[in-house]
Amino acid sequence: MKKTLEEHAARFDEVAPEYDEQKREEYRACVSLVVEHADPRPDDVVLDLGCGTGAIGLGLAESAGEVIGRDISEGMMDEARRKAAERGLDNISFAEGTFREPNCESADVVVSNFAMHHLSDEEKREAIEVIAGMEPRRFVLGDVMFFGEPDPEEPFYSPAVDDPATVGVLADALTDAGFSLTAVEMVHEQVGVLVAERSA
Protein backbone atom coordinates (compact mmCIF):
# COMPACT_ATOMS: atom_id res chain seq x y z
CA MET A 1 0.00 0.00 0.00
CA LYS A 2 1.54 3.25 -1.13
CA LYS A 3 -0.28 5.38 1.45
CA THR A 4 -1.48 4.68 4.97
CA LEU A 5 -5.08 3.74 5.70
CA GLU A 6 -5.50 7.13 7.35
CA GLU A 7 -4.22 8.94 4.25
CA HIS A 8 -6.54 6.96 1.98
CA ALA A 9 -9.49 7.56 4.32
CA ALA A 10 -8.85 11.31 4.43
CA ARG A 11 -8.59 11.45 0.63
CA PHE A 12 -11.94 9.70 0.19
CA ASP A 13 -13.62 11.70 2.96
CA GLU A 14 -12.72 14.82 1.00
CA VAL A 15 -14.20 13.67 -2.32
CA ALA A 16 -17.20 11.75 -0.95
CA PRO A 17 -19.94 14.29 -1.83
CA GLU A 18 -18.93 14.41 -5.51
CA TYR A 19 -17.58 10.86 -5.83
CA ASP A 20 -20.49 9.37 -7.78
CA GLU A 21 -20.59 12.18 -10.34
CA GLN A 22 -16.86 11.86 -11.10
CA LYS A 23 -16.89 8.21 -12.13
CA ARG A 24 -16.04 7.10 -15.66
CA GLU A 25 -18.14 4.76 -17.79
CA GLU A 26 -15.72 1.88 -17.12
CA TYR A 27 -16.44 2.20 -13.39
CA ARG A 28 -20.18 2.17 -14.04
CA ALA A 29 -19.78 -0.89 -16.27
CA CYS A 30 -17.94 -2.67 -13.47
CA VAL A 31 -20.71 -1.80 -11.01
CA SER A 32 -23.28 -3.41 -13.32
CA LEU A 33 -21.17 -6.52 -13.87
CA VAL A 34 -20.36 -7.01 -10.17
CA VAL A 35 -24.03 -6.70 -9.24
CA GLU A 36 -25.04 -9.08 -12.04
CA HIS A 37 -22.42 -11.73 -11.17
CA ALA A 38 -23.00 -11.49 -7.40
CA ASP A 39 -26.55 -12.72 -7.98
CA PRO A 40 -27.43 -13.21 -4.29
CA ARG A 41 -30.24 -15.44 -3.09
CA PRO A 42 -33.06 -13.89 -1.04
CA ASP A 43 -31.59 -15.16 2.25
CA ASP A 44 -27.92 -14.44 1.44
CA VAL A 45 -25.64 -12.25 3.52
CA VAL A 46 -23.50 -10.13 1.17
CA LEU A 47 -20.31 -8.41 2.30
CA ASP A 48 -19.24 -5.38 0.24
CA LEU A 49 -15.58 -4.59 0.95
CA GLY A 50 -14.45 -1.06 0.15
CA CYS A 51 -18.13 -0.20 -0.23
CA GLY A 52 -17.57 3.51 -0.81
CA THR A 53 -20.83 5.37 -1.41
CA GLY A 54 -22.75 2.11 -1.75
CA ALA A 55 -23.01 1.64 -5.52
CA ILE A 56 -22.70 -2.15 -5.26
CA GLY A 57 -24.32 -2.75 -1.87
CA LEU A 58 -27.39 -0.66 -2.65
CA GLY A 59 -27.72 -2.45 -5.97
CA LEU A 60 -27.74 -5.83 -4.18
CA ALA A 61 -29.87 -4.94 -1.16
CA GLU A 62 -33.13 -5.41 -3.05
CA SER A 63 -32.35 -9.05 -3.83
CA ALA A 64 -30.20 -10.14 -0.85
CA GLY A 65 -31.27 -10.90 2.69
CA GLU A 66 -28.67 -8.60 4.24
CA VAL A 67 -25.86 -6.43 2.90
CA ILE A 68 -22.90 -5.45 5.07
CA GLY A 69 -20.79 -2.55 3.77
CA ARG A 70 -17.24 -2.01 5.00
CA ASP A 71 -14.95 0.92 4.24
CA ILE A 72 -12.25 3.06 5.85
CA SER A 73 -13.88 6.39 4.92
CA GLU A 74 -16.69 7.66 7.14
CA GLY A 75 -17.43 10.35 4.56
CA MET A 76 -18.07 7.76 1.86
CA MET A 77 -20.19 5.62 4.17
CA ASP A 78 -22.24 8.66 5.22
CA GLU A 79 -23.15 9.10 1.56
CA ALA A 80 -24.08 5.42 1.37
CA ARG A 81 -26.23 5.67 4.51
CA ARG A 82 -28.01 8.71 3.10
CA LYS A 83 -28.79 6.91 -0.15
CA ALA A 84 -30.00 3.79 1.69
CA ALA A 85 -32.34 5.94 3.79
CA GLU A 86 -33.65 7.71 0.68
CA ARG A 87 -34.50 4.33 -0.86
CA GLY A 88 -36.05 2.99 2.35
CA LEU A 89 -33.60 0.07 2.55
CA ASP A 90 -33.32 -1.33 6.06
CA ASN A 91 -31.37 -4.52 5.29
CA ILE A 92 -28.06 -2.75 4.59
CA SER A 93 -25.58 -1.41 7.13
CA PHE A 94 -22.19 0.29 6.96
CA ALA A 95 -19.26 0.27 9.39
CA GLU A 96 -15.48 0.54 9.39
CA GLY A 97 -13.53 -2.42 8.08
CA THR A 98 -10.57 -3.25 5.87
CA PHE A 99 -9.75 -6.10 3.52
CA ARG A 100 -7.56 -7.80 6.09
CA GLU A 101 -9.76 -6.88 9.07
CA PRO A 102 -13.27 -6.77 7.62
CA ASN A 103 -15.11 -6.77 10.94
CA CYS A 104 -17.33 -9.56 9.60
CA GLU A 105 -17.06 -13.27 10.37
CA SER A 106 -18.94 -14.86 7.49
CA ALA A 107 -20.83 -14.07 4.31
CA ASP A 108 -22.48 -16.03 1.51
CA VAL A 109 -21.27 -13.65 -1.19
CA VAL A 110 -18.38 -11.18 -1.01
CA VAL A 111 -18.06 -8.32 -3.49
CA SER A 112 -15.60 -5.50 -3.99
CA ASN A 113 -15.34 -2.82 -6.66
CA PHE A 114 -12.46 -0.42 -7.33
CA ALA A 115 -10.85 -0.80 -3.91
CA MET A 116 -8.37 -3.69 -3.82
CA HIS A 117 -5.98 -1.94 -6.23
CA HIS A 118 -4.80 0.22 -3.32
CA LEU A 119 -3.08 -2.86 -1.85
CA SER A 120 0.28 -4.28 -2.86
CA ASP A 121 0.26 -7.70 -4.53
CA GLU A 122 1.23 -9.38 -1.25
CA GLU A 123 -1.49 -7.47 0.62
CA LYS A 124 -4.02 -8.51 -2.06
CA ARG A 125 -3.04 -12.15 -1.49
CA GLU A 126 -3.53 -11.73 2.27
CA ALA A 127 -6.90 -10.05 1.69
CA ILE A 128 -8.09 -12.87 -0.57
CA GLU A 129 -7.07 -15.41 2.08
CA VAL A 130 -9.12 -13.52 4.68
CA ILE A 131 -12.09 -13.48 2.30
CA ALA A 132 -11.70 -17.23 1.66
CA GLY A 133 -11.71 -17.77 5.43
CA MET A 134 -15.25 -16.39 5.57
CA GLU A 135 -16.24 -19.33 3.34
CA PRO A 136 -18.37 -17.39 0.85
CA ARG A 137 -19.99 -19.27 -1.99
CA ARG A 138 -18.81 -16.58 -4.42
CA PHE A 139 -16.39 -13.63 -4.53
CA VAL A 140 -16.82 -11.01 -7.25
CA LEU A 141 -14.00 -8.50 -7.76
CA GLY A 142 -14.30 -5.47 -10.03
CA ASP A 143 -11.14 -3.42 -10.15
CA VAL A 144 -8.26 -1.85 -11.98
CA MET A 145 -6.25 -4.84 -13.25
CA PHE A 146 -3.86 -5.37 -16.13
CA PHE A 147 -4.87 -7.69 -18.97
CA GLY A 148 -1.62 -6.90 -20.78
CA GLU A 149 1.16 -4.36 -20.55
CA PRO A 150 -0.43 -1.06 -19.44
CA ASP A 151 0.27 1.96 -21.60
CA PRO A 152 2.30 4.31 -19.36
CA GLU A 153 1.02 7.22 -21.43
CA GLU A 154 -2.59 6.36 -20.63
CA PRO A 155 -2.84 4.88 -17.15
CA PHE A 156 -6.36 4.26 -15.91
CA TYR A 157 -5.15 4.71 -12.36
CA SER A 158 -3.06 7.07 -10.23
CA PRO A 159 0.44 5.59 -9.84
CA ALA A 160 1.05 7.71 -6.73
CA VAL A 161 -1.72 6.01 -4.75
CA ASP A 162 -2.72 2.89 -6.69
CA ASP A 163 -0.96 -0.45 -7.11
CA PRO A 164 -2.94 -2.59 -9.60
CA ALA A 165 -2.09 -6.23 -10.21
CA THR A 166 -2.13 -8.27 -13.37
CA VAL A 167 -5.09 -10.59 -13.93
CA GLY A 168 -2.63 -13.49 -13.58
CA VAL A 169 -1.51 -12.43 -10.11
CA LEU A 170 -5.13 -12.11 -8.97
CA ALA A 171 -6.12 -15.43 -10.55
CA ASP A 172 -3.24 -17.22 -8.82
CA ALA A 173 -4.13 -15.69 -5.46
CA LEU A 174 -7.76 -16.74 -5.85
CA THR A 175 -6.84 -20.29 -6.87
CA ASP A 176 -4.31 -20.64 -4.05
CA ALA A 177 -7.02 -19.55 -1.58
CA GLY A 178 -9.34 -22.33 -2.73
CA PHE A 179 -11.47 -20.52 -5.28
CA SER A 180 -12.16 -21.49 -8.89
CA LEU A 181 -12.19 -18.64 -11.37
CA THR A 182 -15.47 -18.99 -13.26
CA ALA A 183 -15.64 -15.74 -15.24
CA VAL A 184 -13.25 -13.03 -16.42
CA GLU A 185 -14.82 -9.89 -17.87
CA MET A 186 -12.56 -7.31 -19.51
CA VAL A 187 -14.17 -3.87 -19.40
CA HIS A 188 -11.00 -2.07 -20.55
CA GLU A 189 -7.42 -3.31 -20.93
CA GLN A 190 -6.79 -1.98 -17.41
CA VAL A 191 -10.21 -2.71 -15.84
CA GLY A 192 -12.05 -5.97 -15.30
CA VAL A 193 -14.30 -8.18 -13.20
CA LEU A 194 -13.28 -11.58 -11.84
CA VAL A 195 -15.82 -14.09 -10.54
CA ALA A 196 -14.56 -16.77 -8.17
CA GLU A 197 -16.54 -19.68 -6.72
CA ARG A 198 -15.60 -21.84 -3.79
CA SER A 199 -14.00 -25.06 -5.01
CA ALA A 200 -15.86 -28.17 -3.88
C-alpha atoms as a PDB file:
ATOM      1  CA  MET A   1       0.000   0.000   0.000  1.00  0.00           C
ATOM      2  CA  LYS A   2       1.538   3.255  -1.127  1.00  0.00           C
ATOM      3  CA  LYS A   3      -0.284   5.377   1.447  1.00  0.00           C
ATOM      4  CA  THR A   4      -1.479   4.682   4.973  1.00  0.00           C
ATOM      5  CA  LEU A   5      -5.083   3.741   5.702  1.00  0.00           C
ATOM      6  CA  GLU A   6      -5.502   7.130   7.348  1.00  0.00           C
ATOM      7  CA  GLU A   7      -4.222   8.941   4.246  1.00  0.00           C
ATOM      8  CA  HIS A   8      -6.538   6.960   1.983  1.00  0.00           C
ATOM      9  CA  ALA A   9      -9.494   7.561   4.321  1.00  0.00           C
ATOM     10  CA  ALA A  10      -8.853  11.312   4.427  1.00  0.00           C
ATOM     11  CA  ARG A  11      -8.587  11.453   0.630  1.00  0.00           C
ATOM     12  CA  PHE A  12     -11.939   9.701   0.187  1.00  0.00           C
ATOM     13  CA  ASP A  13     -13.621  11.703   2.963  1.00  0.00           C
ATOM     14  CA  GLU A  14     -12.723  14.821   0.999  1.00  0.00           C
ATOM     15  CA  VAL A  15     -14.196  13.669  -2.317  1.00  0.00           C
ATOM     16  CA  ALA A  16     -17.204  11.746  -0.953  1.00  0.00           C
ATOM     17  CA  PRO A  17     -19.937  14.294  -1.831  1.00  0.00           C
ATOM     18  CA  GLU A  18     -18.926  14.410  -5.514  1.00  0.00           C
ATOM     19  CA  TYR A  19     -17.584  10.859  -5.826  1.00  0.00           C
ATOM     20  CA  ASP A  20     -20.488   9.370  -7.784  1.00  0.00           C
ATOM     21  CA  GLU A  21     -20.587  12.184 -10.340  1.00  0.00           C
ATOM     22  CA  GLN A  22     -16.865  11.859 -11.101  1.00  0.00           C
ATOM     23  CA  LYS A  23     -16.888   8.213 -12.125  1.00  0.00           C
ATOM     24  CA  ARG A  24     -16.040   7.095 -15.657  1.00  0.00           C
ATOM     25  CA  GLU A  25     -18.142   4.765 -17.792  1.00  0.00           C
ATOM     26  CA  GLU A  26     -15.723   1.875 -17.120  1.00  0.00           C
ATOM     27  CA  TYR A  27     -16.438   2.202 -13.386  1.00  0.00           C
ATOM     28  CA  ARG A  28     -20.177   2.171 -14.041  1.00  0.00           C
ATOM     29  CA  ALA A  29     -19.777  -0.889 -16.274  1.00  0.00           C
ATOM     30  CA  CYS A  30     -17.936  -2.668 -13.465  1.00  0.00           C
ATOM     31  CA  VAL A  31     -20.711  -1.800 -11.012  1.00  0.00           C
ATOM     32  CA  SER A  32     -23.276  -3.409 -13.318  1.00  0.00           C
ATOM     33  CA  LEU A  33     -21.167  -6.518 -13.866  1.00  0.00           C
ATOM     34  CA  VAL A  34     -20.358  -7.006 -10.167  1.00  0.00           C
ATOM     35  CA  VAL A  35     -24.033  -6.698  -9.235  1.00  0.00           C
ATOM     36  CA  GLU A  36     -25.037  -9.077 -12.043  1.00  0.00           C
ATOM     37  CA  HIS A  37     -22.423 -11.727 -11.167  1.00  0.00           C
ATOM     38  CA  ALA A  38     -22.997 -11.487  -7.397  1.00  0.00           C
ATOM     39  CA  ASP A  39     -26.551 -12.716  -7.983  1.00  0.00           C
ATOM     40  CA  PRO A  40     -27.426 -13.212  -4.286  1.00  0.00           C
ATOM     41  CA  ARG A  41     -30.242 -15.439  -3.088  1.00  0.00           C
ATOM     42  CA  PRO A  42     -33.063 -13.888  -1.038  1.00  0.00           C
ATOM     43  CA  ASP A  43     -31.589 -15.155   2.248  1.00  0.00           C
ATOM     44  CA  ASP A  44     -27.917 -14.443   1.444  1.00  0.00           C
ATOM     45  CA  VAL A  45     -25.637 -12.246   3.524  1.00  0.00           C
ATOM     46  CA  VAL A  46     -23.503 -10.127   1.167  1.00  0.00           C
ATOM     47  CA  LEU A  47     -20.312  -8.407   2.297  1.00  0.00           C
ATOM     48  CA  ASP A  48     -19.243  -5.379   0.241  1.00  0.00           C
ATOM     49  CA  LEU A  49     -15.578  -4.589   0.952  1.00  0.00           C
ATOM     50  CA  GLY A  50     -14.455  -1.062   0.148  1.00  0.00           C
ATOM     51  CA  CYS A  51     -18.134  -0.197  -0.232  1.00  0.00           C
ATOM     52  CA  GLY A  52     -17.574   3.515  -0.810  1.00  0.00           C
ATOM     53  CA  THR A  53     -20.831   5.371  -1.406  1.00  0.00           C
ATOM     54  CA  GLY A  54     -22.750   2.113  -1.751  1.00  0.00           C
ATOM     55  CA  ALA A  55     -23.010   1.641  -5.518  1.00  0.00           C
ATOM     56  CA  ILE A  56     -22.700  -2.148  -5.257  1.00  0.00           C
ATOM     57  CA  GLY A  57     -24.323  -2.745  -1.872  1.00  0.00           C
ATOM     58  CA  LEU A  58     -27.391  -0.663  -2.649  1.00  0.00           C
ATOM     59  CA  GLY A  59     -27.722  -2.454  -5.972  1.00  0.00           C
ATOM     60  CA  LEU A  60     -27.738  -5.831  -4.176  1.00  0.00           C
ATOM     61  CA  ALA A  61     -29.872  -4.936  -1.155  1.00  0.00           C
ATOM     62  CA  GLU A  62     -33.127  -5.413  -3.047  1.00  0.00           C
ATOM     63  CA  SER A  63     -32.354  -9.054  -3.834  1.00  0.00           C
ATOM     64  CA  ALA A  64     -30.196 -10.143  -0.849  1.00  0.00           C
ATOM     65  CA  GLY A  65     -31.269 -10.901   2.692  1.00  0.00           C
ATOM     66  CA  GLU A  66     -28.674  -8.604   4.237  1.00  0.00           C
ATOM     67  CA  VAL A  67     -25.862  -6.434   2.900  1.00  0.00           C
ATOM     68  CA  ILE A  68     -22.904  -5.453   5.065  1.00  0.00           C
ATOM     69  CA  GLY A  69     -20.794  -2.549   3.771  1.00  0.00           C
ATOM     70  CA  ARG A  70     -17.243  -2.015   5.003  1.00  0.00           C
ATOM     71  CA  ASP A  71     -14.953   0.919   4.244  1.00  0.00           C
ATOM     72  CA  ILE A  72     -12.249   3.065   5.848  1.00  0.00           C
ATOM     73  CA  SER A  73     -13.885   6.388   4.919  1.00  0.00           C
ATOM     74  CA  GLU A  74     -16.693   7.659   7.145  1.00  0.00           C
ATOM     75  CA  GLY A  75     -17.430  10.350   4.558  1.00  0.00           C
ATOM     76  CA  MET A  76     -18.065   7.760   1.858  1.00  0.00           C
ATOM     77  CA  MET A  77     -20.192   5.615   4.172  1.00  0.00           C
ATOM     78  CA  ASP A  78     -22.235   8.661   5.222  1.00  0.00           C
ATOM     79  CA  GLU A  79     -23.153   9.101   1.556  1.00  0.00           C
ATOM     80  CA  ALA A  80     -24.076   5.417   1.365  1.00  0.00           C
ATOM     81  CA  ARG A  81     -26.235   5.668   4.507  1.00  0.00           C
ATOM     82  CA  ARG A  82     -28.007   8.711   3.100  1.00  0.00           C
ATOM     83  CA  LYS A  83     -28.794   6.906  -0.151  1.00  0.00           C
ATOM     84  CA  ALA A  84     -30.003   3.791   1.689  1.00  0.00           C
ATOM     85  CA  ALA A  85     -32.343   5.939   3.795  1.00  0.00           C
ATOM     86  CA  GLU A  86     -33.653   7.711   0.680  1.00  0.00           C
ATOM     87  CA  ARG A  87     -34.497   4.330  -0.858  1.00  0.00           C
ATOM     88  CA  GLY A  88     -36.046   2.990   2.346  1.00  0.00           C
ATOM     89  CA  LEU A  89     -33.601   0.067   2.549  1.00  0.00           C
ATOM     90  CA  ASP A  90     -33.318  -1.334   6.062  1.00  0.00           C
ATOM     91  CA  ASN A  91     -31.367  -4.518   5.295  1.00  0.00           C
ATOM     92  CA  ILE A  92     -28.061  -2.753   4.586  1.00  0.00           C
ATOM     93  CA  SER A  93     -25.579  -1.412   7.128  1.00  0.00           C
ATOM     94  CA  PHE A  94     -22.190   0.286   6.961  1.00  0.00           C
ATOM     95  CA  ALA A  95     -19.265   0.273   9.388  1.00  0.00           C
ATOM     96  CA  GLU A  96     -15.484   0.542   9.387  1.00  0.00           C
ATOM     97  CA  GLY A  97     -13.534  -2.415   8.084  1.00  0.00           C
ATOM     98  CA  THR A  98     -10.568  -3.254   5.872  1.00  0.00           C
ATOM     99  CA  PHE A  99      -9.750  -6.100   3.517  1.00  0.00           C
ATOM    100  CA  ARG A 100      -7.557  -7.801   6.087  1.00  0.00           C
ATOM    101  CA  GLU A 101      -9.757  -6.879   9.069  1.00  0.00           C
ATOM    102  CA  PRO A 102     -13.269  -6.767   7.621  1.00  0.00           C
ATOM    103  CA  ASN A 103     -15.107  -6.774  10.941  1.00  0.00           C
ATOM    104  CA  CYS A 104     -17.331  -9.557   9.604  1.00  0.00           C
ATOM    105  CA  GLU A 105     -17.064 -13.272  10.372  1.00  0.00           C
ATOM    106  CA  SER A 106     -18.940 -14.862   7.490  1.00  0.00           C
ATOM    107  CA  ALA A 107     -20.833 -14.071   4.306  1.00  0.00           C
ATOM    108  CA  ASP A 108     -22.476 -16.033   1.514  1.00  0.00           C
ATOM    109  CA  VAL A 109     -21.265 -13.653  -1.193  1.00  0.00           C
ATOM    110  CA  VAL A 110     -18.376 -11.181  -1.007  1.00  0.00           C
ATOM    111  CA  VAL A 111     -18.056  -8.324  -3.491  1.00  0.00           C
ATOM    112  CA  SER A 112     -15.596  -5.495  -3.994  1.00  0.00           C
ATOM    113  CA  ASN A 113     -15.336  -2.820  -6.656  1.00  0.00           C
ATOM    114  CA  PHE A 114     -12.459  -0.423  -7.333  1.00  0.00           C
ATOM    115  CA  ALA A 115     -10.849  -0.798  -3.911  1.00  0.00           C
ATOM    116  CA  MET A 116      -8.366  -3.690  -3.823  1.00  0.00           C
ATOM    117  CA  HIS A 117      -5.976  -1.941  -6.232  1.00  0.00           C
ATOM    118  CA  HIS A 118      -4.800   0.220  -3.317  1.00  0.00           C
ATOM    119  CA  LEU A 119      -3.083  -2.856  -1.849  1.00  0.00           C
ATOM    120  CA  SER A 120       0.283  -4.279  -2.856  1.00  0.00           C
ATOM    121  CA  ASP A 121       0.261  -7.698  -4.534  1.00  0.00           C
ATOM    122  CA  GLU A 122       1.225  -9.382  -1.247  1.00  0.00           C
ATOM    123  CA  GLU A 123      -1.488  -7.470   0.616  1.00  0.00           C
ATOM    124  CA  LYS A 124      -4.015  -8.511  -2.057  1.00  0.00           C
ATOM    125  CA  ARG A 125      -3.043 -12.146  -1.489  1.00  0.00           C
ATOM    126  CA  GLU A 126      -3.526 -11.726   2.274  1.00  0.00           C
ATOM    127  CA  ALA A 127      -6.901 -10.046   1.691  1.00  0.00           C
ATOM    128  CA  ILE A 128      -8.086 -12.866  -0.572  1.00  0.00           C
ATOM    129  CA  GLU A 129      -7.067 -15.407   2.080  1.00  0.00           C
ATOM    130  CA  VAL A 130      -9.123 -13.520   4.682  1.00  0.00           C
ATOM    131  CA  ILE A 131     -12.091 -13.484   2.298  1.00  0.00           C
ATOM    132  CA  ALA A 132     -11.697 -17.228   1.657  1.00  0.00           C
ATOM    133  CA  GLY A 133     -11.707 -17.773   5.431  1.00  0.00           C
ATOM    134  CA  MET A 134     -15.248 -16.395   5.572  1.00  0.00           C
ATOM    135  CA  GLU A 135     -16.239 -19.328   3.344  1.00  0.00           C
ATOM    136  CA  PRO A 136     -18.372 -17.392   0.855  1.00  0.00           C
ATOM    137  CA  ARG A 137     -19.985 -19.274  -1.991  1.00  0.00           C
ATOM    138  CA  ARG A 138     -18.811 -16.576  -4.419  1.00  0.00           C
ATOM    139  CA  PHE A 139     -16.392 -13.633  -4.533  1.00  0.00           C
ATOM    140  CA  VAL A 140     -16.820 -11.010  -7.251  1.00  0.00           C
ATOM    141  CA  LEU A 141     -14.005  -8.497  -7.758  1.00  0.00           C
ATOM    142  CA  GLY A 142     -14.300  -5.474 -10.030  1.00  0.00           C
ATOM    143  CA  ASP A 143     -11.142  -3.419 -10.148  1.00  0.00           C
ATOM    144  CA  VAL A 144      -8.263  -1.850 -11.982  1.00  0.00           C
ATOM    145  CA  MET A 145      -6.249  -4.836 -13.249  1.00  0.00           C
ATOM    146  CA  PHE A 146      -3.865  -5.374 -16.130  1.00  0.00           C
ATOM    147  CA  PHE A 147      -4.868  -7.690 -18.971  1.00  0.00           C
ATOM    148  CA  GLY A 148      -1.620  -6.902 -20.784  1.00  0.00           C
ATOM    149  CA  GLU A 149       1.160  -4.357 -20.548  1.00  0.00           C
ATOM    150  CA  PRO A 150      -0.434  -1.062 -19.444  1.00  0.00           C
ATOM    151  CA  ASP A 151       0.270   1.963 -21.604  1.00  0.00           C
ATOM    152  CA  PRO A 152       2.297   4.307 -19.359  1.00  0.00           C
ATOM    153  CA  GLU A 153       1.020   7.225 -21.433  1.00  0.00           C
ATOM    154  CA  GLU A 154      -2.591   6.360 -20.627  1.00  0.00           C
ATOM    155  CA  PRO A 155      -2.838   4.884 -17.155  1.00  0.00           C
ATOM    156  CA  PHE A 156      -6.357   4.260 -15.909  1.00  0.00           C
ATOM    157  CA  TYR A 157      -5.152   4.713 -12.362  1.00  0.00           C
ATOM    158  CA  SER A 158      -3.055   7.067 -10.229  1.00  0.00           C
ATOM    159  CA  PRO A 159       0.443   5.595  -9.836  1.00  0.00           C
ATOM    160  CA  ALA A 160       1.052   7.710  -6.730  1.00  0.00           C
ATOM    161  CA  VAL A 161      -1.721   6.012  -4.746  1.00  0.00           C
ATOM    162  CA  ASP A 162      -2.722   2.887  -6.688  1.00  0.00           C
ATOM    163  CA  ASP A 163      -0.956  -0.453  -7.106  1.00  0.00           C
ATOM    164  CA  PRO A 164      -2.942  -2.587  -9.596  1.00  0.00           C
ATOM    165  CA  ALA A 165      -2.089  -6.228 -10.210  1.00  0.00           C
ATOM    166  CA  THR A 166      -2.134  -8.274 -13.370  1.00  0.00           C
ATOM    167  CA  VAL A 167      -5.085 -10.592 -13.932  1.00  0.00           C
ATOM    168  CA  GLY A 168      -2.634 -13.487 -13.585  1.00  0.00           C
ATOM    169  CA  VAL A 169      -1.511 -12.427 -10.105  1.00  0.00           C
ATOM    170  CA  LEU A 170      -5.130 -12.106  -8.965  1.00  0.00           C
ATOM    171  CA  ALA A 171      -6.121 -15.427 -10.547  1.00  0.00           C
ATOM    172  CA  ASP A 172      -3.239 -17.218  -8.823  1.00  0.00           C
ATOM    173  CA  ALA A 173      -4.129 -15.691  -5.459  1.00  0.00           C
ATOM    174  CA  LEU A 174      -7.764 -16.745  -5.847  1.00  0.00           C
ATOM    175  CA  THR A 175      -6.840 -20.288  -6.870  1.00  0.00           C
ATOM    176  CA  ASP A 176      -4.306 -20.637  -4.045  1.00  0.00           C
ATOM    177  CA  ALA A 177      -7.015 -19.546  -1.576  1.00  0.00           C
ATOM    178  CA  GLY A 178      -9.338 -22.331  -2.728  1.00  0.00           C
ATOM    179  CA  PHE A 179     -11.474 -20.517  -5.283  1.00  0.00           C
ATOM    180  CA  SER A 180     -12.155 -21.493  -8.886  1.00  0.00           C
ATOM    181  CA  LEU A 181     -12.191 -18.644 -11.374  1.00  0.00           C
ATOM    182  CA  THR A 182     -15.475 -18.987 -13.256  1.00  0.00           C
ATOM    183  CA  ALA A 183     -15.637 -15.738 -15.236  1.00  0.00           C
ATOM    184  CA  VAL A 184     -13.252 -13.032 -16.416  1.00  0.00           C
ATOM    185  CA  GLU A 185     -14.823  -9.891 -17.865  1.00  0.00           C
ATOM    186  CA  MET A 186     -12.564  -7.314 -19.509  1.00  0.00           C
ATOM    187  CA  VAL A 187     -14.168  -3.874 -19.405  1.00  0.00           C
ATOM    188  CA  HIS A 188     -10.997  -2.071 -20.547  1.00  0.00           C
ATOM    189  CA  GLU A 189      -7.418  -3.311 -20.927  1.00  0.00           C
ATOM    190  CA  GLN A 190      -6.794  -1.978 -17.410  1.00  0.00           C
ATOM    191  CA  VAL A 191     -10.208  -2.715 -15.841  1.00  0.00           C
ATOM    192  CA  GLY A 192     -12.052  -5.973 -15.298  1.00  0.00           C
ATOM    193  CA  VAL A 193     -14.297  -8.183 -13.197  1.00  0.00           C
ATOM    194  CA  LEU A 194     -13.284 -11.577 -11.837  1.00  0.00           C
ATOM    195  CA  VAL A 195     -15.822 -14.094 -10.537  1.00  0.00           C
ATOM    196  CA  ALA A 196     -14.557 -16.774  -8.167  1.00  0.00           C
ATOM    197  CA  GLU A 197     -16.543 -19.678  -6.722  1.00  0.00           C
ATOM    198  CA  ARG A 198     -15.600 -21.837  -3.794  1.00  0.00           C
ATOM    199  CA  SER A 199     -14.005 -25.059  -5.006  1.00  0.00           C
ATOM    200  CA  ALA A 200     -15.863 -28.172  -3.882  1.00  0.00           C
END
